[in-house]
PDB file of all heavy atoms in Angstrom:
ATOM      1  N   LYS A   1     -11.677 -17.824 -20.599  1.00  0.00           N
ATOM      2  CA  LYS A   1     -10.599 -17.601 -21.576  1.00  0.00           C
ATOM      3  C   LYS A   1     -10.001 -16.214 -21.376  1.00  0.00           C
ATOM      4  O   LYS A   1     -10.721 -15.231 -21.227  1.00  0.00           O
ATOM      5  CB  LYS A   1     -11.138 -17.746 -22.998  1.00  0.00           C
ATOM      6  CG  LYS A   1     -10.064 -17.623 -24.092  1.00  0.00           C
ATOM      7  CD  LYS A   1     -10.677 -17.724 -25.478  1.00  0.00           C
ATOM      8  CE  LYS A   1     -11.108 -19.141 -25.803  1.00  0.00           C
ATOM      9  NZ  LYS A   1     -11.535 -19.266 -27.233  1.00  0.00           N
ATOM     10  N   ILE A   2      -8.660 -16.191 -21.362  1.00  0.00           N
ATOM     11  CA  ILE A   2      -7.919 -14.928 -21.303  1.00  0.00           C
ATOM     12  C   ILE A   2      -6.876 -14.956 -22.418  1.00  0.00           C
ATOM     13  O   ILE A   2      -5.986 -15.809 -22.410  1.00  0.00           O
ATOM     14  CB  ILE A   2      -7.198 -14.747 -19.954  1.00  0.00           C
ATOM     15  CG1 ILE A   2      -8.154 -14.947 -18.771  1.00  0.00           C
ATOM     16  CG2 ILE A   2      -6.538 -13.373 -19.869  1.00  0.00           C
ATOM     17  CD1 ILE A   2      -7.452 -14.947 -17.435  1.00  0.00           C
ATOM     18  N   ALA A   3      -6.992 -14.070 -23.374  1.00  0.00           N
ATOM     19  CA  ALA A   3      -6.024 -13.968 -24.479  1.00  0.00           C
ATOM     20  C   ALA A   3      -5.805 -15.334 -25.143  1.00  0.00           C
ATOM     21  O   ALA A   3      -4.682 -15.716 -25.439  1.00  0.00           O
ATOM     22  CB  ALA A   3      -4.696 -13.400 -23.965  1.00  0.00           C
ATOM     23  N   GLY A   4      -6.890 -16.064 -25.324  1.00  0.00           N
ATOM     24  CA  GLY A   4      -6.811 -17.366 -25.975  1.00  0.00           C
ATOM     25  C   GLY A   4      -6.388 -18.502 -25.074  1.00  0.00           C
ATOM     26  O   GLY A   4      -6.310 -19.659 -25.513  1.00  0.00           O
ATOM     27  N   ILE A   5      -6.115 -18.221 -23.798  1.00  0.00           N
ATOM     28  CA  ILE A   5      -5.665 -19.244 -22.835  1.00  0.00           C
ATOM     29  C   ILE A   5      -6.832 -19.605 -21.921  1.00  0.00           C
ATOM     30  O   ILE A   5      -7.496 -18.725 -21.360  1.00  0.00           O
ATOM     31  CB  ILE A   5      -4.468 -18.715 -22.018  1.00  0.00           C
ATOM     32  CG1 ILE A   5      -3.286 -18.418 -22.965  1.00  0.00           C
ATOM     33  CG2 ILE A   5      -4.055 -19.719 -20.953  1.00  0.00           C
ATOM     34  CD1 ILE A   5      -2.196 -17.595 -22.329  1.00  0.00           C
ATOM     35  N   LEU A   6      -7.085 -20.907 -21.778  1.00  0.00           N
ATOM     36  CA  LEU A   6      -8.203 -21.383 -20.969  1.00  0.00           C
ATOM     37  C   LEU A   6      -7.767 -21.644 -19.531  1.00  0.00           C
ATOM     38  O   LEU A   6      -6.704 -22.214 -19.278  1.00  0.00           O
ATOM     39  CB  LEU A   6      -8.782 -22.668 -21.563  1.00  0.00           C
ATOM     40  CG  LEU A   6      -9.373 -22.574 -22.968  1.00  0.00           C
ATOM     41  CD1 LEU A   6      -9.850 -23.935 -23.444  1.00  0.00           C
ATOM     42  CD2 LEU A   6     -10.526 -21.569 -23.010  1.00  0.00           C
ATOM     43  N   LEU A   7      -8.601 -21.238 -18.588  1.00  0.00           N
ATOM     44  CA  LEU A   7      -8.415 -21.528 -17.168  1.00  0.00           C
ATOM     45  C   LEU A   7      -9.690 -22.139 -16.630  1.00  0.00           C
ATOM     46  O   LEU A   7     -10.789 -21.839 -17.115  1.00  0.00           O
ATOM     47  CB  LEU A   7      -8.095 -20.261 -16.379  1.00  0.00           C
ATOM     48  CG  LEU A   7      -6.782 -19.529 -16.646  1.00  0.00           C
ATOM     49  CD1 LEU A   7      -6.699 -18.295 -15.751  1.00  0.00           C
ATOM     50  CD2 LEU A   7      -5.597 -20.440 -16.392  1.00  0.00           C
ATOM     51  N   GLN A   8      -9.551 -22.974 -15.596  1.00  0.00           N
ATOM     52  CA  GLN A   8     -10.723 -23.540 -14.932  1.00  0.00           C
ATOM     53  C   GLN A   8     -10.787 -23.031 -13.497  1.00  0.00           C
ATOM     54  O   GLN A   8      -9.769 -22.881 -12.828  1.00  0.00           O
ATOM     55  CB  GLN A   8     -10.682 -25.060 -14.989  1.00  0.00           C
ATOM     56  CG  GLN A   8     -10.826 -25.578 -16.416  1.00  0.00           C
ATOM     57  CD  GLN A   8     -11.018 -27.070 -16.501  1.00  0.00           C
ATOM     58  OE1 GLN A   8     -10.437 -27.824 -15.734  1.00  0.00           O
ATOM     59  NE2 GLN A   8     -11.844 -27.504 -17.444  1.00  0.00           N
ATOM     60  N   ILE A   9     -12.009 -22.765 -13.057  1.00  0.00           N
ATOM     61  CA  ILE A   9     -12.249 -22.174 -11.745  1.00  0.00           C
ATOM     62  C   ILE A   9     -13.342 -22.976 -11.054  1.00  0.00           C
ATOM     63  O   ILE A   9     -14.410 -23.204 -11.639  1.00  0.00           O
ATOM     64  CB  ILE A   9     -12.692 -20.700 -11.881  1.00  0.00           C
ATOM     65  CG1 ILE A   9     -11.643 -19.907 -12.661  1.00  0.00           C
ATOM     66  CG2 ILE A   9     -12.954 -20.073 -10.519  1.00  0.00           C
ATOM     67  CD1 ILE A   9     -12.182 -18.620 -13.224  1.00  0.00           C
ATOM     68  N   ASP A  10     -13.094 -23.385  -9.823  1.00  0.00           N
ATOM     69  CA  ASP A  10     -14.086 -24.135  -9.048  1.00  0.00           C
ATOM     70  C   ASP A  10     -14.705 -23.247  -7.980  1.00  0.00           C
ATOM     71  O   ASP A  10     -13.974 -22.604  -7.205  1.00  0.00           O
ATOM     72  CB  ASP A  10     -13.439 -25.349  -8.375  1.00  0.00           C
ATOM     73  CG  ASP A  10     -13.090 -26.447  -9.360  1.00  0.00           C
ATOM     74  OD1 ASP A  10     -13.510 -26.360 -10.527  1.00  0.00           O
ATOM     75  OD2 ASP A  10     -12.390 -27.403  -8.956  1.00  0.00           O
ATOM     76  N   VAL A  11     -16.036 -23.221  -7.938  1.00  0.00           N
ATOM     77  CA  VAL A  11     -16.745 -22.505  -6.879  1.00  0.00           C
ATOM     78  C   VAL A  11     -17.814 -23.436  -6.310  1.00  0.00           C
ATOM     79  O   VAL A  11     -18.298 -24.337  -6.994  1.00  0.00           O
ATOM     80  CB  VAL A  11     -17.398 -21.204  -7.392  1.00  0.00           C
ATOM     81  CG1 VAL A  11     -16.336 -20.244  -7.914  1.00  0.00           C
ATOM     82  CG2 VAL A  11     -18.422 -21.485  -8.464  1.00  0.00           C
ATOM     83  N   LEU A  12     -18.184 -23.216  -5.049  1.00  0.00           N
ATOM     84  CA  LEU A  12     -19.258 -24.007  -4.466  1.00  0.00           C
ATOM     85  C   LEU A  12     -20.554 -23.760  -5.227  1.00  0.00           C
ATOM     86  O   LEU A  12     -20.881 -22.615  -5.567  1.00  0.00           O
ATOM     87  CB  LEU A  12     -19.440 -23.669  -2.987  1.00  0.00           C
ATOM     88  CG  LEU A  12     -18.383 -24.238  -2.041  1.00  0.00           C
ATOM     89  CD1 LEU A  12     -18.640 -23.744  -0.617  1.00  0.00           C
ATOM     90  CD2 LEU A  12     -18.361 -25.758  -2.073  1.00  0.00           C
ATOM     91  N   PHE A  13     -21.286 -24.835  -5.490  1.00  0.00           N
ATOM     92  CA  PHE A  13     -22.509 -24.778  -6.298  1.00  0.00           C
ATOM     93  C   PHE A  13     -23.662 -24.325  -5.406  1.00  0.00           C
ATOM     94  O   PHE A  13     -24.291 -25.105  -4.717  1.00  0.00           O
ATOM     95  CB  PHE A  13     -22.768 -26.172  -6.866  1.00  0.00           C
ATOM     96  CG  PHE A  13     -23.754 -26.170  -8.009  1.00  0.00           C
ATOM     97  CD1 PHE A  13     -24.044 -27.358  -8.664  1.00  0.00           C
ATOM     98  CD2 PHE A  13     -24.386 -25.028  -8.439  1.00  0.00           C
ATOM     99  CE1 PHE A  13     -24.936 -27.399  -9.725  1.00  0.00           C
ATOM    100  CE2 PHE A  13     -25.278 -25.035  -9.492  1.00  0.00           C
ATOM    101  CZ  PHE A  13     -25.556 -26.234 -10.132  1.00  0.00           C
ATOM    102  N   ARG A  14     -23.912 -23.006  -5.421  1.00  0.00           N
ATOM    103  CA  ARG A  14     -25.004 -22.451  -4.630  1.00  0.00           C
ATOM    104  C   ARG A  14     -26.119 -21.994  -5.563  1.00  0.00           C
ATOM    105  O   ARG A  14     -26.034 -22.135  -6.779  1.00  0.00           O
ATOM    106  CB  ARG A  14     -24.500 -21.284  -3.781  1.00  0.00           C
ATOM    107  CG  ARG A  14     -23.402 -21.690  -2.771  1.00  0.00           C
ATOM    108  CD  ARG A  14     -23.095 -20.522  -1.851  1.00  0.00           C
ATOM    109  NE  ARG A  14     -22.080 -20.889  -0.870  1.00  0.00           N
ATOM    110  CZ  ARG A  14     -20.902 -20.312  -0.779  1.00  0.00           C
ATOM    111  NH1 ARG A  14     -20.566 -19.340  -1.621  1.00  0.00           N
ATOM    112  NH2 ARG A  14     -20.037 -20.683   0.151  1.00  0.00           N
ATOM    113  N   SER A  15     -27.150 -21.401  -5.007  1.00  0.00           N
ATOM    114  CA  SER A  15     -28.328 -21.030  -5.807  1.00  0.00           C
ATOM    115  C   SER A  15     -28.251 -19.599  -6.342  1.00  0.00           C
ATOM    116  O   SER A  15     -29.246 -19.039  -6.746  1.00  0.00           O
ATOM    117  CB  SER A  15     -29.600 -21.182  -4.961  1.00  0.00           C
ATOM    118  OG  SER A  15     -29.510 -20.387  -3.803  1.00  0.00           O
ATOM    119  N   PHE A  16     -27.037 -18.984  -6.279  1.00  0.00           N
ATOM    120  CA  PHE A  16     -26.925 -17.628  -6.802  1.00  0.00           C
ATOM    121  C   PHE A  16     -26.933 -17.638  -8.332  1.00  0.00           C
ATOM    122  O   PHE A  16     -26.833 -18.661  -8.971  1.00  0.00           O
ATOM    123  CB  PHE A  16     -25.667 -16.935  -6.270  1.00  0.00           C
ATOM    124  CG  PHE A  16     -24.403 -17.720  -6.499  1.00  0.00           C
ATOM    125  CD1 PHE A  16     -23.900 -17.910  -7.782  1.00  0.00           C
ATOM    126  CD2 PHE A  16     -23.712 -18.261  -5.423  1.00  0.00           C
ATOM    127  CE1 PHE A  16     -22.736 -18.607  -7.998  1.00  0.00           C
ATOM    128  CE2 PHE A  16     -22.544 -18.982  -5.644  1.00  0.00           C
ATOM    129  CZ  PHE A  16     -22.058 -19.144  -6.929  1.00  0.00           C
ATOM    130  N   LYS A  17     -27.017 -16.438  -8.910  1.00  0.00           N
ATOM    131  CA  LYS A  17     -27.035 -16.312 -10.370  1.00  0.00           C
ATOM    132  C   LYS A  17     -25.706 -16.795 -10.959  1.00  0.00           C
ATOM    133  O   LYS A  17     -24.643 -16.443 -10.491  1.00  0.00           O
ATOM    134  CB  LYS A  17     -27.271 -14.849 -10.755  1.00  0.00           C
ATOM    135  CG  LYS A  17     -27.425 -14.631 -12.259  1.00  0.00           C
ATOM    136  CD  LYS A  17     -27.668 -13.166 -12.564  1.00  0.00           C
ATOM    137  CE  LYS A  17     -27.910 -12.948 -14.059  1.00  0.00           C
ATOM    138  NZ  LYS A  17     -26.761 -13.342 -14.880  1.00  0.00           N
ATOM    139  N   LEU A  18     -25.803 -17.614 -11.993  1.00  0.00           N
ATOM    140  CA  LEU A  18     -24.624 -18.163 -12.639  1.00  0.00           C
ATOM    141  C   LEU A  18     -24.003 -17.147 -13.589  1.00  0.00           C
ATOM    142  O   LEU A  18     -24.691 -16.269 -14.126  1.00  0.00           O
ATOM    143  CB  LEU A  18     -24.991 -19.419 -13.428  1.00  0.00           C
ATOM    144  CG  LEU A  18     -25.645 -20.560 -12.650  1.00  0.00           C
ATOM    145  CD1 LEU A  18     -26.036 -21.676 -13.613  1.00  0.00           C
ATOM    146  CD2 LEU A  18     -24.711 -21.085 -11.577  1.00  0.00           C
ATOM    147  N   PHE A  19     -22.701 -17.289 -13.793  1.00  0.00           N
ATOM    148  CA  PHE A  19     -22.035 -16.525 -14.844  1.00  0.00           C
ATOM    149  C   PHE A  19     -22.286 -17.258 -16.157  1.00  0.00           C
ATOM    150  O   PHE A  19     -22.048 -18.466 -16.267  1.00  0.00           O
ATOM    151  CB  PHE A  19     -20.527 -16.428 -14.579  1.00  0.00           C
ATOM    152  CG  PHE A  19     -20.197 -15.743 -13.275  1.00  0.00           C
ATOM    153  CD1 PHE A  19     -19.692 -16.467 -12.205  1.00  0.00           C
ATOM    154  CD2 PHE A  19     -20.403 -14.377 -13.124  1.00  0.00           C
ATOM    155  CE1 PHE A  19     -19.387 -15.841 -11.007  1.00  0.00           C
ATOM    156  CE2 PHE A  19     -20.097 -13.739 -11.933  1.00  0.00           C
ATOM    157  CZ  PHE A  19     -19.591 -14.480 -10.867  1.00  0.00           C
ATOM    158  N   GLU A  20     -22.771 -16.540 -17.137  1.00  0.00           N
ATOM    159  CA  GLU A  20     -23.193 -17.159 -18.389  1.00  0.00           C
ATOM    160  C   GLU A  20     -22.075 -17.151 -19.431  1.00  0.00           C
ATOM    161  O   GLU A  20     -21.201 -16.272 -19.422  1.00  0.00           O
ATOM    162  CB  GLU A  20     -24.411 -16.405 -18.948  1.00  0.00           C
ATOM    163  CG  GLU A  20     -25.625 -16.427 -18.052  1.00  0.00           C
ATOM    164  CD  GLU A  20     -26.209 -17.818 -17.861  1.00  0.00           C
ATOM    165  OE1 GLU A  20     -25.905 -18.702 -18.686  1.00  0.00           O
ATOM    166  OE2 GLU A  20     -26.951 -18.012 -16.878  1.00  0.00           O
ATOM    167  N   PRO A  21     -22.076 -18.138 -20.347  1.00  0.00           N
ATOM    168  CA  PRO A  21     -21.106 -18.134 -21.440  1.00  0.00           C
ATOM    169  C   PRO A  21     -21.141 -16.815 -22.196  1.00  0.00           C
ATOM    170  O   PRO A  21     -22.216 -16.278 -22.496  1.00  0.00           O
ATOM    171  CB  PRO A  21     -21.567 -19.301 -22.314  1.00  0.00           C
ATOM    172  CG  PRO A  21     -22.242 -20.232 -21.357  1.00  0.00           C
ATOM    173  CD  PRO A  21     -22.931 -19.338 -20.366  1.00  0.00           C
ATOM    174  N   GLY A  22     -19.954 -16.265 -22.484  1.00  0.00           N
ATOM    175  CA  GLY A  22     -19.843 -14.988 -23.171  1.00  0.00           C
ATOM    176  C   GLY A  22     -19.747 -13.802 -22.235  1.00  0.00           C
ATOM    177  O   GLY A  22     -19.404 -12.689 -22.663  1.00  0.00           O
ATOM    178  N   GLN A  23     -20.047 -14.011 -20.946  1.00  0.00           N
ATOM    179  CA  GLN A  23     -20.021 -12.913 -19.976  1.00  0.00           C
ATOM    180  C   GLN A  23     -18.581 -12.555 -19.598  1.00  0.00           C
ATOM    181  O   GLN A  23     -17.731 -13.431 -19.425  1.00  0.00           O
ATOM    182  CB  GLN A  23     -20.798 -13.312 -18.723  1.00  0.00           C
ATOM    183  CG  GLN A  23     -20.866 -12.230 -17.651  1.00  0.00           C
ATOM    184  CD  GLN A  23     -21.701 -12.664 -16.457  1.00  0.00           C
ATOM    185  OE1 GLN A  23     -22.387 -13.698 -16.501  1.00  0.00           O
ATOM    186  NE2 GLN A  23     -21.662 -11.888 -15.388  1.00  0.00           N
ATOM    187  N   THR A  24     -18.300 -11.251 -19.460  1.00  0.00           N
ATOM    188  CA  THR A  24     -16.993 -10.801 -18.974  1.00  0.00           C
ATOM    189  C   THR A  24     -16.963 -10.909 -17.453  1.00  0.00           C
ATOM    190  O   THR A  24     -17.907 -10.475 -16.768  1.00  0.00           O
ATOM    191  CB  THR A  24     -16.727  -9.346 -19.390  1.00  0.00           C
ATOM    192  OG1 THR A  24     -16.666  -9.279 -20.821  1.00  0.00           O
ATOM    193  CG2 THR A  24     -15.401  -8.848 -18.824  1.00  0.00           C
ATOM    194  N   VAL A  25     -15.907 -11.512 -16.921  1.00  0.00           N
ATOM    195  CA  VAL A  25     -15.767 -11.691 -15.472  1.00  0.00           C
ATOM    196  C   VAL A  25     -14.367 -11.232 -15.064  1.00  0.00           C
ATOM    197  O   VAL A  25     -13.482 -11.046 -15.907  1.00  0.00           O
ATOM    198  CB  VAL A  25     -15.986 -13.156 -15.050  1.00  0.00           C
ATOM    199  CG1 VAL A  25     -17.444 -13.571 -15.224  1.00  0.00           C
ATOM    200  CG2 VAL A  25     -15.056 -14.103 -15.811  1.00  0.00           C
ATOM    201  N   TYR A  26     -14.190 -11.099 -13.752  1.00  0.00           N
ATOM    202  CA  TYR A  26     -12.921 -10.611 -13.209  1.00  0.00           C
ATOM    203  C   TYR A  26     -12.380 -11.650 -12.226  1.00  0.00           C
ATOM    204  O   TYR A  26     -13.094 -12.109 -11.330  1.00  0.00           O
ATOM    205  CB  TYR A  26     -13.114  -9.255 -12.542  1.00  0.00           C
ATOM    206  CG  TYR A  26     -13.633  -8.227 -13.524  1.00  0.00           C
ATOM    207  CD1 TYR A  26     -15.014  -8.065 -13.719  1.00  0.00           C
ATOM    208  CD2 TYR A  26     -12.756  -7.482 -14.304  1.00  0.00           C
ATOM    209  CE1 TYR A  26     -15.498  -7.159 -14.647  1.00  0.00           C
ATOM    210  CE2 TYR A  26     -13.235  -6.570 -15.244  1.00  0.00           C
ATOM    211  CZ  TYR A  26     -14.607  -6.414 -15.406  1.00  0.00           C
ATOM    212  OH  TYR A  26     -15.079  -5.535 -16.343  1.00  0.00           O
ATOM    213  N   LEU A  27     -11.137 -12.037 -12.440  1.00  0.00           N
ATOM    214  CA  LEU A  27     -10.503 -13.068 -11.622  1.00  0.00           C
ATOM    215  C   LEU A  27      -9.488 -12.444 -10.683  1.00  0.00           C
ATOM    216  O   LEU A  27      -8.738 -11.538 -11.078  1.00  0.00           O
ATOM    217  CB  LEU A  27      -9.794 -14.100 -12.507  1.00  0.00           C
ATOM    218  CG  LEU A  27     -10.561 -14.663 -13.702  1.00  0.00           C
ATOM    219  CD1 LEU A  27      -9.700 -15.686 -14.434  1.00  0.00           C
ATOM    220  CD2 LEU A  27     -11.890 -15.274 -13.271  1.00  0.00           C
ATOM    221  N   THR A  28      -9.458 -12.957  -9.464  1.00  0.00           N
ATOM    222  CA  THR A  28      -8.429 -12.557  -8.504  1.00  0.00           C
ATOM    223  C   THR A  28      -7.631 -13.797  -8.125  1.00  0.00           C
ATOM    224  O   THR A  28      -8.197 -14.796  -7.665  1.00  0.00           O
ATOM    225  CB  THR A  28      -9.051 -11.941  -7.237  1.00  0.00           C
ATOM    226  OG1 THR A  28      -9.842 -10.808  -7.616  1.00  0.00           O
ATOM    227  CG2 THR A  28      -7.965 -11.507  -6.264  1.00  0.00           C
ATOM    228  N   ILE A  29      -6.326 -13.757  -8.345  1.00  0.00           N
ATOM    229  CA  ILE A  29      -5.442 -14.882  -8.024  1.00  0.00           C
ATOM    230  C   ILE A  29      -4.320 -14.373  -7.132  1.00  0.00           C
ATOM    231  O   ILE A  29      -3.522 -13.517  -7.542  1.00  0.00           O
ATOM    232  CB  ILE A  29      -4.838 -15.512  -9.297  1.00  0.00           C
ATOM    233  CG1 ILE A  29      -5.938 -15.919 -10.282  1.00  0.00           C
ATOM    234  CG2 ILE A  29      -3.973 -16.715  -8.939  1.00  0.00           C
ATOM    235  CD1 ILE A  29      -5.414 -16.446 -11.609  1.00  0.00           C
ATOM    236  N   GLU A  30      -4.258 -14.860  -5.918  1.00  0.00           N
ATOM    237  CA  GLU A  30      -3.169 -14.465  -5.026  1.00  0.00           C
ATOM    238  C   GLU A  30      -1.853 -15.041  -5.551  1.00  0.00           C
ATOM    239  O   GLU A  30      -1.794 -16.201  -5.982  1.00  0.00           O
ATOM    240  CB  GLU A  30      -3.443 -14.963  -3.602  1.00  0.00           C
ATOM    241  CG  GLU A  30      -4.616 -14.268  -2.938  1.00  0.00           C
ATOM    242  CD  GLU A  30      -4.714 -14.625  -1.469  1.00  0.00           C
ATOM    243  OE1 GLU A  30      -3.663 -14.957  -0.860  1.00  0.00           O
ATOM    244  OE2 GLU A  30      -5.839 -14.586  -0.931  1.00  0.00           O
ATOM    245  N   LYS A  31      -0.811 -14.230  -5.496  1.00  0.00           N
ATOM    246  CA  LYS A  31       0.484 -14.657  -6.033  1.00  0.00           C
ATOM    247  C   LYS A  31       1.020 -15.901  -5.316  1.00  0.00           C
ATOM    248  O   LYS A  31       1.685 -16.738  -5.929  1.00  0.00           O
ATOM    249  CB  LYS A  31       1.490 -13.501  -5.939  1.00  0.00           C
ATOM    250  CG  LYS A  31       1.129 -12.336  -6.848  1.00  0.00           C
ATOM    251  CD  LYS A  31       2.180 -11.230  -6.806  1.00  0.00           C
ATOM    252  CE  LYS A  31       1.800 -10.090  -7.754  1.00  0.00           C
ATOM    253  NZ  LYS A  31       2.818  -9.007  -7.770  1.00  0.00           N
TER     254      LYS A  31
END
């Protein structure tokens, strides 16, 4: 969620640590 707007992001399901609900994350989107 960004400013009340929902986005969905797909990543390959690997065994690394997951991003948890409530966690702040940073998105990079090429123009």
